[in-house]
Amino acid sequence: MNGKSWWAALGLMLVVEGLMPLLRPMAWREVFTKLLAMSDGQIRFIGLCSVVAGGVLLVLMAG
């Protein structure tokens, strides 16, 4: 991956991350309300799943 690819990936991530608060702000707020009620272990597990899924996607796309 060159430098432009990293910037393109970052831009795409920001677009995807911004869709829910743009289109469904009430649902987005509810998600964060539920997230605040979770334990640290549950939040870490969600983060781990996201990292693994992203890593698998990167490996599949690079191969």
C-alpha atoms as a PDB file:
ATOM      1  CA  MET A   1       0.000   0.000   0.000  1.00  0.00           C
ATOM      2  CA  ASN A   2       1.322   3.395  -0.856  1.00  0.00           C
ATOM      3  CA  GLY A   3       0.624   6.663   0.953  1.00  0.00           C
ATOM      4  CA  LYS A   4      -2.379   7.527  -1.224  1.00  0.00           C
ATOM      5  CA  SER A   5      -4.003   4.196  -0.414  1.00  0.00           C
ATOM      6  CA  TRP A   6      -3.724   4.883   3.321  1.00  0.00           C
ATOM      7  CA  TRP A   7      -5.364   8.283   2.901  1.00  0.00           C
ATOM      8  CA  ALA A   8      -8.089   6.736   0.733  1.00  0.00           C
ATOM      9  CA  ALA A   9      -8.712   4.061   3.382  1.00  0.00           C
ATOM     10  CA  LEU A  10      -8.901   6.708   6.113  1.00  0.00           C
ATOM     11  CA  GLY A  11     -11.306   8.786   4.032  1.00  0.00           C
ATOM     12  CA  LEU A  12     -13.523   5.783   3.366  1.00  0.00           C
ATOM     13  CA  MET A  13     -13.533   4.903   7.077  1.00  0.00           C
ATOM     14  CA  LEU A  14     -14.623   8.447   7.959  1.00  0.00           C
ATOM     15  CA  VAL A  15     -17.423   8.338   5.371  1.00  0.00           C
ATOM     16  CA  VAL A  16     -18.707   4.997   6.696  1.00  0.00           C
ATOM     17  CA  GLU A  17     -18.395   6.112  10.332  1.00  0.00           C
ATOM     18  CA  GLY A  18     -20.283   9.323   9.580  1.00  0.00           C
ATOM     19  CA  LEU A  19     -23.258   7.709   7.849  1.00  0.00           C
ATOM     20  CA  MET A  20     -25.150   6.593  10.972  1.00  0.00           C
ATOM     21  CA  PRO A  21     -25.011   9.904  12.868  1.00  0.00           C
ATOM     22  CA  LEU A  22     -25.932  11.699   9.636  1.00  0.00           C
ATOM     23  CA  LEU A  23     -28.860   9.475   8.681  1.00  0.00           C
ATOM     24  CA  ARG A  24     -30.081   8.158  12.065  1.00  0.00           C
ATOM     25  CA  PRO A  25     -28.904  10.433  14.897  1.00  0.00           C
ATOM     26  CA  MET A  26     -31.409   9.060  17.436  1.00  0.00           C
ATOM     27  CA  ALA A  27     -30.349   5.446  16.773  1.00  0.00           C
ATOM     28  CA  TRP A  28     -26.697   6.494  16.983  1.00  0.00           C
ATOM     29  CA  ARG A  29     -27.338   8.094  20.380  1.00  0.00           C
ATOM     30  CA  GLU A  30     -29.102   4.910  21.584  1.00  0.00           C
ATOM     31  CA  VAL A  31     -26.111   2.806  20.553  1.00  0.00           C
ATOM     32  CA  PHE A  32     -23.819   4.959  22.684  1.00  0.00           C
ATOM     33  CA  THR A  33     -26.254   4.868  25.607  1.00  0.00           C
ATOM     34  CA  LYS A  34     -26.186   1.054  25.479  1.00  0.00           C
ATOM     35  CA  LEU A  35     -22.393   1.108  25.099  1.00  0.00           C
ATOM     36  CA  LEU A  36     -22.044   3.125  28.300  1.00  0.00           C
ATOM     37  CA  ALA A  37     -23.929   0.394  30.181  1.00  0.00           C
ATOM     38  CA  MET A  38     -21.486  -2.332  29.048  1.00  0.00           C
ATOM     39  CA  SER A  39     -18.554  -3.538  31.105  1.00  0.00           C
ATOM     40  CA  ASP A  40     -14.961  -2.904  30.029  1.00  0.00           C
ATOM     41  CA  GLY A  41     -14.594  -6.593  29.143  1.00  0.00           C
ATOM     42  CA  GLN A  42     -17.578  -6.473  26.790  1.00  0.00           C
ATOM     43  CA  ILE A  43     -16.267  -3.350  25.086  1.00  0.00           C
ATOM     44  CA  ARG A  44     -12.808  -4.911  24.726  1.00  0.00           C
ATOM     45  CA  PHE A  45     -14.381  -8.017  23.158  1.00  0.00           C
ATOM     46  CA  ILE A  46     -16.207  -5.859  20.597  1.00  0.00           C
ATOM     47  CA  GLY A  47     -12.924  -4.078  19.847  1.00  0.00           C
ATOM     48  CA  LEU A  48     -11.115  -7.412  19.471  1.00  0.00           C
ATOM     49  CA  CYS A  49     -13.771  -8.690  17.067  1.00  0.00           C
ATOM     50  CA  SER A  50     -13.472  -5.495  15.010  1.00  0.00           C
ATOM     51  CA  VAL A  51      -9.682  -5.754  14.847  1.00  0.00           C
ATOM     52  CA  VAL A  52      -9.814  -9.436  13.820  1.00  0.00           C
ATOM     53  CA  ALA A  53     -12.516  -8.821  11.198  1.00  0.00           C
ATOM     54  CA  GLY A  54     -10.579  -5.870   9.774  1.00  0.00           C
ATOM     55  CA  GLY A  55      -7.354  -7.863   9.715  1.00  0.00           C
ATOM     56  CA  VAL A  56      -9.042 -10.763   7.923  1.00  0.00           C
ATOM     57  CA  LEU A  57     -10.496  -8.372   5.342  1.00  0.00           C
ATOM     58  CA  LEU A  58      -7.092  -6.797   4.764  1.00  0.00           C
ATOM     59  CA  VAL A  59      -5.434 -10.193   4.316  1.00  0.00           C
ATOM     60  CA  LEU A  60      -8.155 -11.320   1.905  1.00  0.00           C
ATOM     61  CA  MET A  61      -7.920  -8.099  -0.121  1.00  0.00           C
ATOM     62  CA  ALA A  62      -4.112  -8.187  -0.259  1.00  0.00           C
ATOM     63  CA  GLY A  63      -3.968 -11.850  -1.315  1.00  0.00           C
END
